[in-house]
C-alpha cells in the first residue's frame, strides 16, 4: 500500500511544483509592484503637521512671527516671517512630505545675515489649507507669498529672492520662468523632469518597479502635462542662479543636477556638497552653507552684483 502511494505522490508533486513556483513568483512580483506604487504615491500624501509650527518661540529665531495669506484660489496659507533689516527678503519653498519647519537652518542663516525670510507651508501641508497638488495650486501659493512680501514696508522694491528644495525648487523654476518678481534664485536638488526622475528612483526591478511608480505619478495630482524645470530653467536668465546638490544624493542624483545646470543660462553657479545626500546641507557643511547662502543673496539682492560662473565642488 505504502509502496503504491509513493509514485503517486511523486507524480502529483511534479504537477503541483511548477504551479507553486508560479504562485510564489506572482506574489513576490505583486509585493514589489505595490511597494513601489505606494512609495511613489507617498510624495503626495502629507505628514501630520510638526508640533513646532504652533510654537514658533521654539525655533530659536529672534523676531520670528506667525503669518498667513490667501492665494488666488482662496487657499489659506500658513507661514513664518522674520522681518528684514537690510531691505531685502527671501522666500523659502519646501519639498514633499515636509513643511516650513524643514527649512529652519536656511531661515536662521538668512535672518542672521539681516534678510527678511518668509517660509510657508505648501497647499495641503503643515497648517495650510487645500490639497497636495504640486501644480497650479502650488504656483498660486508662491505668487501670493511674493505679493505678501512685496507689500512689507521694510522692503525695497525689487529685493526679493527665493530658495526651493527638491519639489519646492521644481515649482519655483516653473513660477520664475513666467514671473519676473524674483531677483535671484537658489535651487537645491531639483528634479529636471518628474517622469525621468521617478524612473531612476524606482529602477531596481526594471519594468516591475518603474511602471507601478509611474502609475502612481499619473494617478496623483501631479500635472505631468506642464513643462518641467529642464524645459524652463533657461528662462530664469538674466537673473542670477545658484544650484546646490549633494554628491551622495540618491533621490535627485548629482548627474541630474549637472544636466539641469547645463541647460540653465548664465549667470549661474553650482556648488556640490561632498558627503551630502538629498538636502540637509547645513548638517554636512554648516558654516560653508550659511556663508554661501548669505553671500549669494547679498551680492544679488543688495549690491546687484552678478556672481561669476562656478562649477567647483566643496571638499
Protein backbone atom coordinates (compact mmCIF):
# COMPACT_ATOMS: atom_id res chain seq x y z
CA UNK A 1 0.00 0.00 0.00
CA UNK A 2 2.70 2.46 1.05
CA UNK A 3 4.82 1.46 -1.94
CA UNK A 4 1.96 2.30 -4.33
CA UNK A 5 1.44 5.75 -2.75
CA UNK A 6 4.98 6.94 -3.32
CA UNK A 7 4.85 7.00 -7.14
CA UNK A 8 1.51 8.79 -6.98
CA UNK A 9 2.88 11.42 -4.60
CA UNK A 10 5.87 11.99 -6.83
CA UNK A 11 3.60 12.24 -9.82
CA UNK A 12 1.35 14.85 -8.18
CA UNK A 13 4.39 16.77 -6.91
CA UNK A 14 5.65 17.05 -10.46
CA UNK A 15 2.33 18.65 -11.43
CA UNK A 16 1.99 20.92 -8.38
CA UNK A 17 5.54 22.21 -8.04
CA UNK A 18 5.56 24.38 -11.18
CA UNK A 19 2.23 25.90 -10.16
CA UNK A 20 3.55 26.60 -6.68
CA UNK A 21 6.66 28.29 -8.11
CA UNK A 22 4.49 30.45 -10.37
CA UNK A 23 2.21 31.40 -7.46
CA UNK A 24 5.16 32.38 -5.27
CA UNK A 25 6.70 34.34 -8.15
CA UNK A 26 3.46 36.22 -8.82
CA UNK A 27 3.11 37.02 -5.11
CA UNK A 28 6.64 38.46 -4.99
CA UNK A 29 6.02 40.50 -8.13
CA UNK A 30 2.80 41.86 -6.66
CA UNK A 31 4.55 42.83 -3.42
CA UNK A 32 7.32 44.63 -5.31
CA UNK A 33 4.84 46.46 -7.55
CA UNK A 34 2.65 47.54 -4.63
CA UNK A 35 5.61 48.74 -2.60
CA UNK A 36 6.91 50.97 -5.40
CA UNK A 37 3.41 52.26 -6.18
CA UNK A 38 2.92 53.24 -2.53
CA UNK A 39 6.41 54.76 -2.27
CA UNK A 40 5.79 56.96 -5.30
CA UNK A 41 2.34 57.99 -4.06
CA UNK A 42 3.76 58.96 -0.67
CA UNK A 43 5.16 62.14 -2.23
CA UNK A 44 1.57 63.36 -2.48
CA UNK A 45 0.49 62.25 0.99
CA UNK A 46 1.03 64.95 3.64
CA UNK A 47 2.52 64.05 7.00
CA UNK A 48 0.88 65.33 10.23
CA UNK A 49 1.98 68.93 10.95
CA UNK A 50 5.12 69.26 13.06
CA UNK A 51 4.31 70.50 16.58
CA UNK A 52 6.82 73.32 16.24
CA UNK A 53 4.51 75.02 13.74
CA UNK A 54 2.31 76.17 16.61
CA UNK A 55 5.29 77.07 18.80
CA UNK A 56 7.46 79.49 16.81
CA UNK A 57 9.16 80.51 20.04
CA UNK A 58 10.92 77.15 19.99
CA UNK A 59 12.68 77.84 16.69
CA UNK A 60 15.36 79.95 18.36
CA UNK A 61 14.99 82.63 15.67
CA UNK A 62 14.72 86.11 17.13
CA UNK A 63 11.88 88.19 15.72
CA UNK A 64 10.14 85.27 14.01
CA UNK A 65 6.39 85.76 13.81
CA UNK A 66 3.38 83.85 12.54
CA UNK A 67 1.96 84.98 9.21
CA UNK A 68 -0.74 83.90 6.79
CA UNK A 69 -2.12 84.97 3.43
CA UNK A 70 -4.70 83.88 0.86
CA UNK A 71 -3.66 82.58 -2.55
CA UNK A 72 -5.58 83.37 -5.72
CA UNK A 73 -7.51 80.09 -5.45
CA UNK A 74 -8.75 81.17 -1.99
CA UNK A 75 -6.48 78.77 -0.07
CA UNK A 76 -5.30 79.92 3.35
CA UNK A 77 -1.51 79.58 3.56
CA UNK A 78 0.25 79.32 6.92
CA UNK A 79 3.70 80.88 7.22
CA UNK A 80 6.51 82.27 9.37
CA UNK A 81 8.20 85.58 8.76
CA UNK A 82 11.33 87.23 10.10
CA UNK A 83 11.30 90.99 9.33
CA UNK A 84 14.07 92.35 7.11
CA UNK A 85 16.84 94.55 8.47
CA UNK A 86 18.54 95.25 5.15
CA UNK A 87 15.63 95.98 2.82
CA UNK A 88 15.69 92.56 1.12
CA UNK A 89 13.93 89.25 1.72
CA UNK A 90 13.99 85.60 0.65
CA UNK A 91 11.01 83.26 0.31
CA UNK A 92 11.62 79.57 1.10
CA UNK A 93 9.75 76.73 -0.65
CA UNK A 94 9.91 73.26 0.96
CA UNK A 95 9.78 69.84 -0.71
CA UNK A 96 7.49 66.82 -0.42
CA UNK A 97 6.46 65.17 2.86
CA UNK A 98 7.57 68.28 4.74
CA UNK A 99 6.52 71.74 5.85
CA UNK A 100 8.18 75.10 6.52
CA UNK A 101 9.97 73.73 9.60
CA UNK A 102 12.16 71.61 7.31
CA UNK A 103 13.92 74.84 6.27
CA UNK A 104 14.75 76.18 9.72
CA UNK A 105 18.51 76.10 9.03
CA UNK A 106 18.01 78.30 5.99
CA UNK A 107 15.75 80.65 7.95
CA UNK A 108 18.31 81.04 10.73
CA UNK A 109 21.22 81.64 8.35
CA UNK A 110 19.50 84.26 6.24
CA UNK A 111 17.83 86.01 9.18
CA UNK A 112 21.22 86.24 10.91
CA UNK A 113 22.54 88.00 7.79
CA UNK A 114 19.79 90.62 8.07
CA UNK A 115 17.43 89.33 5.38
CA UNK A 116 13.72 89.08 5.80
CA UNK A 117 12.69 85.44 5.47
CA UNK A 118 9.26 84.09 4.60
CA UNK A 119 8.78 80.32 4.92
CA UNK A 120 5.33 78.94 4.19
CA UNK A 121 3.54 75.58 4.10
CA UNK A 122 2.58 74.49 0.61
CA UNK A 123 -1.09 73.67 -0.07
CA UNK A 124 -2.10 70.54 1.79
CA UNK A 125 0.98 70.62 4.04
CA UNK A 126 1.53 71.85 7.58
CA UNK A 127 -1.08 74.40 8.61
CA UNK A 128 -2.08 75.41 5.08
CA UNK A 129 -5.43 74.58 3.56
CA UNK A 130 -6.03 72.96 0.21
CA UNK A 131 -4.69 69.63 -1.01
CA UNK A 132 -1.31 68.42 -2.22
CA UNK A 133 -1.01 69.07 -5.93
CA UNK A 134 2.43 70.44 -6.97
CA UNK A 135 0.68 72.14 -9.85
CA UNK A 136 -1.25 75.37 -10.24
CA UNK A 137 -2.19 75.43 -6.54
CA UNK A 138 1.50 75.44 -5.61
CA UNK A 139 2.45 78.24 -8.00
CA UNK A 140 -0.58 80.24 -6.81
CA UNK A 141 0.65 79.93 -3.21
CA UNK A 142 4.15 81.05 -4.23
CA UNK A 143 2.74 84.01 -6.13
CA UNK A 144 0.72 85.03 -3.07
CA UNK A 145 3.82 84.70 -0.87
CA UNK A 146 5.77 87.07 -3.11
CA UNK A 147 2.87 89.51 -3.20
CA UNK A 148 2.66 89.43 0.60
CA UNK A 149 6.40 90.11 0.87
CA UNK A 150 6.35 92.93 -1.68
CA UNK A 151 3.77 94.76 0.44
CA UNK A 152 6.03 94.78 3.52
CA UNK A 153 7.04 98.39 4.27
CA UNK A 154 10.60 97.47 5.31
CA UNK A 155 11.43 96.00 1.89
CA UNK A 156 12.87 97.98 -1.01
CA UNK A 157 11.35 97.35 -4.44
CA UNK A 158 12.89 94.52 -6.44
CA UNK A 159 14.74 92.99 -3.48
CA UNK A 160 13.11 89.57 -3.25
CA UNK A 161 14.91 86.28 -3.82
CA UNK A 162 13.85 82.67 -3.37
CA UNK A 163 15.18 79.26 -2.37
CA UNK A 164 13.46 75.99 -3.28
CA UNK A 165 14.38 72.48 -2.16
CA UNK A 166 13.56 69.46 -4.33
CA UNK A 167 9.90 69.74 -5.43
CA UNK A 168 9.87 73.22 -3.92
CA UNK A 169 12.58 74.11 -6.43
CA UNK A 170 10.57 72.37 -9.15
CA UNK A 171 7.62 74.70 -8.51
CA UNK A 172 9.96 77.68 -8.08
CA UNK A 173 11.50 77.08 -11.51
CA UNK A 174 8.08 76.79 -13.14
CA UNK A 175 6.99 80.02 -11.49
CA UNK A 176 10.14 82.08 -12.09
CA UNK A 177 10.18 81.23 -15.79
CA UNK A 178 6.99 83.28 -16.21
CA UNK A 179 7.17 85.80 -13.36
CA UNK A 180 9.91 88.42 -13.06
CA UNK A 181 9.32 89.49 -9.45
CA UNK A 182 12.14 87.31 -8.12
CA UNK A 183 15.57 88.91 -8.39
CA UNK A 184 17.68 85.76 -7.79
CA UNK A 185 17.15 82.07 -7.06
CA UNK A 186 18.74 79.14 -5.22
CA UNK A 187 17.66 75.71 -6.48
CA UNK A 188 18.56 72.69 -4.35
CA UNK A 189 18.34 69.10 -5.66
CA UNK A 190 15.61 69.91 -8.17
CA UNK A 191 14.20 67.09 -10.36
CA UNK A 192 14.66 68.11 -14.02
CA UNK A 193 11.66 66.03 -15.09
CA UNK A 194 9.29 64.05 -12.85
CA UNK A 195 8.89 61.06 -15.17
CA UNK A 196 12.64 60.67 -15.70
CA UNK A 197 13.35 61.13 -12.00
CA UNK A 198 10.66 58.63 -10.99
CA UNK A 199 12.06 56.05 -13.40
CA UNK A 200 15.52 56.48 -11.89
CA UNK A 201 14.31 56.33 -8.29
CA UNK A 202 12.42 53.09 -8.95
CA UNK A 203 14.85 51.43 -11.36
CA UNK A 204 15.84 48.50 -9.09
CA UNK A 205 13.47 45.90 -10.59
CA UNK A 206 13.18 47.41 -14.05
CA UNK A 207 9.68 47.49 -15.53
CA UNK A 208 8.29 45.71 -12.44
CA UNK A 209 9.17 48.63 -10.15
CA UNK A 210 9.24 51.54 -12.61
CA UNK A 211 5.80 51.08 -14.11
CA UNK A 212 3.84 50.98 -10.81
CA UNK A 213 5.68 54.13 -9.70
CA UNK A 214 4.71 55.86 -12.94
CA UNK A 215 1.11 54.72 -12.48
CA UNK A 216 1.14 56.32 -9.03
CA UNK A 217 2.54 59.52 -10.52
CA UNK A 218 -0.21 59.62 -13.13
CA UNK A 219 -2.92 58.84 -10.58
CA UNK A 220 -1.72 61.63 -8.31
CA UNK A 221 -2.47 65.32 -8.68
CA UNK A 222 0.89 65.96 -10.36
CA UNK A 223 0.21 67.77 -13.66
CA UNK A 224 2.56 65.87 -15.97
CA UNK A 225 1.41 67.89 -18.98
CA UNK A 226 3.05 71.04 -17.59
CA UNK A 227 6.62 71.87 -18.70
CA UNK A 228 9.21 70.90 -16.10
CA UNK A 229 12.44 72.59 -14.96
CA UNK A 230 14.51 71.14 -17.82
CA UNK A 231 12.20 72.95 -20.27
CA UNK A 232 12.05 76.23 -18.35
CA UNK A 233 15.28 76.83 -16.45
CA UNK A 234 16.92 78.81 -19.26
CA UNK A 235 14.13 81.41 -18.95
CA UNK A 236 15.36 82.40 -15.46
CA UNK A 237 18.26 84.32 -17.01
CA UNK A 238 19.47 87.02 -16.78
CA UNK A 239 18.62 86.67 -13.08
CA UNK A 240 21.42 85.02 -11.06
CA UNK A 241 21.02 81.34 -10.22
CA UNK A 242 22.80 79.19 -7.63
CA UNK A 243 22.29 75.43 -7.77
CA UNK A 244 23.25 73.09 -4.92
CA UNK A 245 23.46 69.30 -4.81
CA UNK A 246 24.97 66.60 -2.61
CA UNK A 247 27.31 64.10 -4.23
CA UNK A 248 25.58 61.28 -2.28
CA UNK A 249 22.04 62.24 -3.28
CA UNK A 250 20.01 59.11 -4.09
CA UNK A 251 16.72 60.96 -4.66
CA UNK A 252 17.79 63.50 -7.28
CA UNK A 253 21.31 62.32 -8.17
CA UNK A 254 24.14 64.68 -8.95
CA UNK A 255 24.19 63.80 -12.66
CA UNK A 256 20.62 65.13 -12.95
CA UNK A 257 21.58 68.38 -11.25
CA UNK A 258 24.51 68.76 -13.64
CA UNK A 259 22.19 68.14 -16.60
CA UNK A 260 19.84 70.84 -15.33
CA UNK A 261 22.75 73.19 -14.67
CA UNK A 262 23.97 72.76 -18.25
CA UNK A 263 20.51 73.73 -19.53
CA UNK A 264 20.48 76.93 -17.45
CA UNK A 265 21.76 80.19 -18.92
CA UNK A 266 24.31 82.49 -17.33
CA UNK A 267 24.71 83.90 -14.77
CA UNK A 268 24.76 80.60 -12.87
CA UNK A 269 26.86 78.72 -10.34
CA UNK A 270 26.90 75.19 -8.96
CA UNK A 271 28.04 74.01 -5.54
CA UNK A 272 28.40 70.27 -4.94
CA UNK A 273 28.44 69.43 -1.23
CA UNK A 274 30.74 66.46 -0.60
CA UNK A 275 29.16 63.82 1.63
CA UNK A 276 25.66 65.31 1.46
CA UNK A 277 22.53 63.47 0.43
CA UNK A 278 19.17 64.99 -0.52
CA UNK A 279 19.13 68.39 1.18
CA UNK A 280 20.29 68.95 4.78
CA UNK A 281 23.45 70.63 3.54
CA UNK A 282 23.58 72.60 6.77
CA UNK A 283 24.24 69.38 8.67
CA UNK A 284 27.19 68.39 6.48
CA UNK A 285 28.79 71.78 5.92
CA UNK A 286 27.05 74.22 8.31
CA UNK A 287 29.45 77.16 8.15
CA UNK A 288 30.06 76.95 4.41
CA UNK A 289 26.37 76.53 3.66
CA UNK A 290 25.35 79.57 5.68
CA UNK A 291 28.20 81.63 4.23
CA UNK A 292 27.33 80.75 0.64
CA UNK A 293 23.62 81.49 1.02
CA UNK A 294 24.26 84.83 2.71
CA UNK A 295 26.95 85.80 0.19
CA UNK A 296 24.82 84.90 -2.84
CA UNK A 297 21.78 86.87 -1.73
CA UNK A 298 23.95 89.77 -0.50
CA UNK A 299 25.54 90.09 -3.93
CA UNK A 300 22.35 89.64 -5.93
CA UNK A 301 19.78 91.44 -3.77
CA UNK A 302 21.77 94.17 -2.03
CA UNK A 303 24.60 95.02 -4.42
CA UNK A 304 23.19 93.90 -7.80
CA UNK A 305 26.40 92.02 -8.48
CA UNK A 306 26.34 89.07 -10.89
CA UNK A 307 28.25 86.09 -9.44
CA UNK A 308 30.96 84.56 -11.62
CA UNK A 309 30.11 81.12 -13.01
CA UNK A 310 31.45 78.41 -10.70
CA UNK A 311 31.33 74.66 -11.18
CA UNK A 312 33.54 73.93 -8.21
CA UNK A 313 32.77 71.27 -5.58
CA UNK A 314 33.06 71.65 -1.85
CA UNK A 315 35.57 69.22 -0.42
